[in-house]
N, C-alpha and C. Protein backbone atom coordinates (compact mmCIF):
# COMPACT_ATOMS: atom_id res chain seq x y z
N MET A 1 -1.48 -1.64 -10.78
CA MET A 1 -2.46 -0.54 -10.12
C MET A 1 -3.24 -1.02 -8.70
N LEU A 2 -2.49 -0.28 -7.81
CA LEU A 2 -2.63 -0.46 -6.67
C LEU A 2 -3.47 0.54 -5.68
N SER A 3 -4.10 0.35 -4.38
CA SER A 3 -4.53 1.12 -4.00
C SER A 3 -3.49 2.21 -3.10
N ARG A 4 -3.73 3.33 -2.51
CA ARG A 4 -3.11 4.18 -1.94
C ARG A 4 -2.78 3.11 -0.50
N GLY A 5 -4.00 2.79 0.23
CA GLY A 5 -3.42 1.71 1.17
C GLY A 5 -2.92 0.67 0.98
N ALA A 6 -3.08 -0.26 -0.38
CA ALA A 6 -2.28 -1.24 -0.75
C ALA A 6 -0.90 -0.71 -1.14
N VAL A 7 -0.69 -0.20 -1.08
CA VAL A 7 0.81 0.41 -1.49
C VAL A 7 1.26 1.06 -0.39
N LEU A 8 0.78 1.36 0.64
CA LEU A 8 1.43 1.84 2.20
C LEU A 8 1.46 0.40 3.15
N THR A 9 1.13 -0.62 2.91
CA THR A 9 0.99 -1.77 3.04
C THR A 9 2.46 -2.46 3.13
N LEU A 10 2.41 -2.30 1.27
CA LEU A 10 3.50 -2.52 0.93
C LEU A 10 4.87 -2.10 1.04
N LEU A 11 4.38 -0.99 1.31
CA LEU A 11 5.71 -0.21 1.33
C LEU A 11 5.74 -0.74 3.07
N LYS A 12 5.52 -0.97 3.82
CA LYS A 12 5.58 -0.95 5.37
C LYS A 12 6.06 -2.41 5.55
N SER A 13 5.42 -3.56 4.69
CA SER A 13 5.66 -5.13 5.08
C SER A 13 7.61 -5.15 4.12
N THR A 14 7.77 -4.54 2.99
CA THR A 14 9.06 -5.04 2.43
C THR A 14 10.05 -3.37 2.26
N LEU A 15 9.50 -2.64 2.30
CA LEU A 15 10.87 -1.16 1.73
C LEU A 15 11.51 -1.13 2.89
N TRP A 16 10.27 -0.96 3.61
CA TRP A 16 10.56 -0.31 5.56
C TRP A 16 11.26 -1.33 6.36
N SER A 17 10.83 -2.31 6.13
CA SER A 17 11.31 -3.70 7.21
C SER A 17 12.62 -4.06 6.44
N LEU A 18 13.10 -4.03 5.24
CA LEU A 18 14.29 -5.21 4.87
C LEU A 18 15.77 -4.54 6.02
N PRO A 19 16.24 -3.11 5.96
CA PRO A 19 16.58 -2.32 6.78
C PRO A 19 16.62 -2.14 8.09
N ILE A 20 15.79 -2.43 8.37
CA ILE A 20 15.48 -2.50 10.23
C ILE A 20 16.16 -3.57 10.72
N TYR A 21 16.76 -4.68 10.50
CA TYR A 21 17.82 -5.26 11.02
C TYR A 21 19.27 -4.68 11.30
N PHE A 22 19.66 -4.12 10.30
CA PHE A 22 20.97 -3.90 10.27
C PHE A 22 20.92 -2.26 10.64
N MET A 23 20.03 -1.81 10.80
CA MET A 23 19.74 -0.16 11.34
C MET A 23 20.22 -0.68 13.01
N SER A 24 19.63 -1.64 13.39
CA SER A 24 19.64 -1.82 15.49
C SER A 24 20.60 -2.23 15.05
N PHE A 25 21.92 -2.55 13.98
CA PHE A 25 23.88 -2.64 14.51
C PHE A 25 24.28 -1.71 14.60
N PHE A 26 24.30 -1.02 13.23
CA PHE A 26 24.39 -0.28 12.70
C PHE A 26 24.30 1.04 12.44
N THR A 27 25.00 2.29 12.41
CA THR A 27 24.80 3.70 11.82
C THR A 27 24.53 3.82 10.47
N VAL A 28 23.27 4.57 9.93
CA VAL A 28 23.41 4.59 8.76
C VAL A 28 23.60 6.06 8.73
N PRO A 29 24.15 6.05 7.35
CA PRO A 29 24.51 7.31 6.81
C PRO A 29 23.48 8.35 6.49
N ALA A 30 23.31 9.98 6.85
CA ALA A 30 22.07 10.39 6.49
C ALA A 30 22.20 10.84 5.01
N SER A 31 23.01 10.77 3.65
CA SER A 31 22.94 10.06 2.53
C SER A 31 22.14 9.05 2.22
N LEU A 32 22.56 7.75 2.50
CA LEU A 32 21.48 6.76 2.61
C LEU A 32 20.32 6.88 2.79
N ALA A 33 19.86 7.58 3.94
CA ALA A 33 19.01 7.19 5.23
C ALA A 33 17.80 7.95 3.61
N ARG A 34 18.48 9.41 3.14
CA ARG A 34 17.59 10.17 2.24
C ARG A 34 17.11 9.59 1.20
N HIS A 35 18.67 8.63 0.81
CA HIS A 35 18.46 7.70 -0.43
C HIS A 35 16.94 6.89 -0.40
N LEU A 36 17.14 6.03 0.98
CA LEU A 36 15.99 5.11 1.51
C LEU A 36 14.72 6.21 1.32
N GLU A 37 14.43 7.37 1.77
CA GLU A 37 13.12 7.56 2.02
C GLU A 37 13.04 8.52 0.28
N LYS A 38 14.19 8.13 -0.07
CA LYS A 38 13.53 8.55 -1.52
C LYS A 38 12.55 7.68 -2.24
N ILE A 39 13.89 6.77 -2.31
CA ILE A 39 13.23 5.32 -3.00
C ILE A 39 11.40 5.35 -2.52
N MET A 40 11.25 5.26 -1.18
CA MET A 40 10.09 4.81 -0.81
C MET A 40 9.12 6.47 -1.38
N ARG A 41 9.24 7.51 -1.30
CA ARG A 41 8.13 8.70 -1.33
C ARG A 41 8.03 8.21 -3.13
N ASP A 42 8.93 7.83 -3.89
CA ASP A 42 9.20 7.56 -5.17
C ASP A 42 7.85 6.67 -5.38
N PHE A 43 7.91 5.22 -3.88
CA PHE A 43 6.65 4.77 -4.43
C PHE A 43 5.57 5.01 -4.34
N VAL A 44 5.20 5.66 -3.17
CA VAL A 44 3.99 6.02 -2.64
C VAL A 44 3.62 6.80 -3.68
N TRP A 45 4.38 7.79 -4.33
CA TRP A 45 3.74 8.56 -4.59
C TRP A 45 2.86 8.37 -6.54
N SER A 46 3.90 7.47 -6.90
CA SER A 46 3.80 6.57 -8.08
C SER A 46 2.82 5.12 -8.23
N CYS A 47 1.96 5.28 -7.62
CA CYS A 47 1.56 4.11 -7.33
C CYS A 47 0.39 3.71 -9.02
N ASN A 48 0.08 5.03 -9.47
CA ASN A 48 -0.61 5.24 -10.66
C ASN A 48 0.18 5.14 -11.89
N ASP A 49 0.12 4.96 -13.22
CA ASP A 49 0.99 5.19 -14.88
C ASP A 49 1.42 6.58 -15.19
N SER A 50 0.25 7.10 -14.10
CA SER A 50 0.61 8.71 -14.56
C SER A 50 1.82 9.03 -13.98
N SER A 51 2.45 10.00 -14.02
CA SER A 51 4.00 10.45 -13.48
C SER A 51 2.90 11.93 -13.67
N ASN A 52 2.23 12.57 -13.86
CA ASN A 52 1.95 13.33 -13.02
C ASN A 52 0.83 13.59 -11.82
N ASP A 53 0.84 12.55 -10.99
CA ASP A 53 0.26 12.69 -9.67
C ASP A 53 0.70 13.65 -9.24
N LEU A 54 -0.20 14.69 -8.30
CA LEU A 54 -0.03 15.34 -7.38
C LEU A 54 0.14 14.71 -5.79
N HIS A 55 1.54 15.37 -5.11
CA HIS A 55 1.34 15.17 -4.02
C HIS A 55 0.82 15.73 -3.04
N TRP A 56 -0.39 14.90 -2.35
CA TRP A 56 -1.45 16.06 -1.49
C TRP A 56 -0.93 16.29 -0.46
N ILE A 57 0.36 15.81 -0.22
CA ILE A 57 0.56 16.06 1.31
C ILE A 57 2.61 16.37 1.39
N ASN A 58 2.38 17.06 2.22
CA ASN A 58 4.40 16.87 2.40
C ASN A 58 4.46 15.96 3.04
N TRP A 59 5.91 15.14 2.47
CA TRP A 59 6.41 14.26 2.87
C TRP A 59 6.63 13.93 4.50
N ARG A 60 7.27 15.65 4.99
CA ARG A 60 7.10 15.05 6.40
C ARG A 60 5.95 14.68 6.70
N GLU A 61 4.60 15.25 6.68
CA GLU A 61 3.66 14.53 7.32
C GLU A 61 3.19 13.14 7.20
N VAL A 62 3.83 12.80 6.11
CA VAL A 62 3.49 11.03 6.44
C VAL A 62 4.13 10.76 6.95
N PHE A 63 5.03 11.17 8.28
CA PHE A 63 5.55 10.76 9.28
C PHE A 63 5.31 11.00 10.74
N CYS A 64 4.44 11.69 10.58
CA CYS A 64 2.66 11.69 11.63
C CYS A 64 2.57 10.42 11.84
N PRO A 65 2.21 10.91 13.18
CA PRO A 65 0.90 9.56 13.70
C PRO A 65 -0.33 9.09 12.88
N LYS A 66 -0.61 8.34 13.27
CA LYS A 66 -1.93 7.88 12.70
C LYS A 66 -2.95 8.46 13.44
N GLN A 67 -3.02 8.59 14.38
CA GLN A 67 -3.42 9.73 15.81
C GLN A 67 -3.87 10.99 14.65
N GLU A 68 -2.85 11.63 14.18
CA GLU A 68 -3.10 12.95 13.45
C GLU A 68 -3.82 12.42 12.16
N GLY A 69 -3.86 11.85 11.77
CA GLY A 69 -4.69 11.27 10.34
C GLY A 69 -3.59 11.11 9.30
N ARG A 70 -2.16 10.63 10.04
CA ARG A 70 -1.08 10.47 8.89
C ARG A 70 -0.83 8.55 8.04
N LEU A 71 0.21 8.75 7.92
CA LEU A 71 0.71 7.02 7.56
C LEU A 71 1.37 6.57 8.32
N SER A 72 2.06 7.09 9.51
CA SER A 72 2.74 6.42 10.07
C SER A 72 4.01 5.95 10.04
N ILE A 73 4.45 6.56 9.25
CA ILE A 73 6.01 5.73 8.40
C ILE A 73 6.99 6.41 9.57
N ARG A 74 7.87 5.81 10.31
CA ARG A 74 9.04 6.48 11.14
C ARG A 74 9.89 6.92 9.79
N PRO A 75 10.65 8.03 10.34
CA PRO A 75 11.97 8.51 9.29
C PRO A 75 13.35 7.32 9.82
N PHE A 76 13.94 7.05 8.72
CA PHE A 76 15.16 6.36 8.62
C PHE A 76 15.81 6.39 10.13
N CYS A 77 16.44 8.01 10.40
CA CYS A 77 17.76 8.35 11.33
C CYS A 77 17.07 8.29 12.59
N GLU A 78 15.58 8.50 12.49
CA GLU A 78 14.98 8.03 14.00
C GLU A 78 14.60 7.08 14.20
N MET A 79 14.77 6.23 13.19
CA MET A 79 14.41 4.52 13.54
C MET A 79 15.44 4.07 14.06
N ASN A 80 16.77 4.21 13.33
CA ASN A 80 17.97 3.63 13.34
C ASN A 80 18.48 4.26 15.34
N ASP A 81 18.07 5.48 15.51
CA ASP A 81 18.64 5.95 16.76
C ASP A 81 17.90 5.28 17.74
N ALA A 82 16.77 4.78 17.97
CA ALA A 82 15.98 4.06 18.58
C ALA A 82 16.25 2.86 18.78
N LEU A 83 16.63 2.05 17.75
CA LEU A 83 16.93 1.01 17.97
C LEU A 83 18.29 0.65 17.97
N LYS A 84 19.58 1.20 18.01
CA LYS A 84 20.66 1.24 18.65
C LYS A 84 20.67 1.21 19.98
N THR A 85 19.74 2.39 20.57
CA THR A 85 19.38 2.31 21.72
C THR A 85 18.82 1.50 22.83
N LYS A 86 18.20 0.94 21.96
CA LYS A 86 17.26 -0.71 22.37
C LYS A 86 18.50 -1.94 22.58
N TRP A 87 19.41 -1.77 22.03
CA TRP A 87 20.58 -2.94 22.26
C TRP A 87 21.02 -2.12 23.84
N ILE A 88 21.47 -0.78 23.57
CA ILE A 88 22.49 -0.46 24.28
C ILE A 88 21.45 -0.78 25.83
N TRP A 89 20.45 -0.33 25.90
CA TRP A 89 19.57 -0.45 27.14
C TRP A 89 19.37 -2.15 27.55
N ARG A 90 19.17 -3.21 26.26
CA ARG A 90 19.24 -4.38 27.20
C ARG A 90 20.41 -4.82 27.09
N CYS A 91 21.78 -4.35 26.76
CA CYS A 91 22.94 -5.02 27.15
C CYS A 91 22.80 -4.40 28.40
N ALA A 92 22.67 -3.31 29.00
CA ALA A 92 22.53 -2.74 30.67
C ALA A 92 21.73 -3.61 31.35
N LYS A 93 20.66 -4.02 30.34
CA LYS A 93 19.88 -4.77 31.84
C LYS A 93 19.58 -6.17 32.06
N GLU A 94 20.32 -6.66 30.29
CA GLU A 94 20.13 -8.19 30.72
C GLU A 94 21.85 -9.05 31.37
N ASP A 95 22.19 -9.41 32.24
CA ASP A 95 23.58 -10.07 32.41
C ASP A 95 23.45 -11.03 31.97
N ASP A 96 22.33 -11.88 32.40
CA ASP A 96 22.63 -13.53 32.17
C ASP A 96 21.95 -14.15 31.17
N VAL A 97 22.09 -13.13 29.92
CA VAL A 97 21.46 -14.07 28.71
C VAL A 97 23.10 -14.49 27.89
N LEU A 98 22.82 -15.54 27.11
CA LEU A 98 24.00 -15.65 26.21
C LEU A 98 24.78 -14.34 25.53
N TRP A 99 23.89 -14.43 24.42
CA TRP A 99 24.22 -13.32 23.70
C TRP A 99 25.86 -11.89 24.42
N ARG A 100 25.35 -11.25 25.48
CA ARG A 100 25.38 -10.51 26.50
C ARG A 100 26.92 -11.28 26.94
N LYS A 101 26.61 -12.32 27.32
CA LYS A 101 27.55 -13.00 27.82
C LYS A 101 29.04 -13.28 26.83
N VAL A 102 28.96 -13.64 25.48
CA VAL A 102 29.58 -13.36 24.43
C VAL A 102 30.17 -12.55 24.00
N ILE A 103 28.96 -10.81 24.03
CA ILE A 103 29.69 -9.80 23.58
C ILE A 103 31.04 -9.54 24.53
N ALA A 104 30.22 -9.92 25.82
CA ALA A 104 31.26 -9.41 26.97
C ALA A 104 32.73 -10.19 27.13
N SER A 105 32.56 -11.24 26.48
CA SER A 105 34.35 -12.04 26.21
C SER A 105 34.72 -11.76 25.52
N LYS A 106 34.46 -11.52 24.71
CA LYS A 106 35.52 -10.37 22.91
C LYS A 106 36.20 -9.49 23.58
């Protein structure tokens, strides 16, 4: 029996952060992203023992920023694109770092 805030903290610290490393290097298939979001959605909405909990907001609204009064969880596909773009940017900007030299030599 966790509060909604505790469920959200647990979700962001574990379920959301586990695939981050892999998403920064590989493209996540859309079916896998949907499946992971379903696991997160089921976890958030089933924080009570009651299986008849109402979903008070649409799951897509959960993704909106905190400034709009939502939970600020990012969709997997958008996060995947952002993380891969970060590495492309770093590859273009950082010429003298070791990891860049290793990749360039391969």
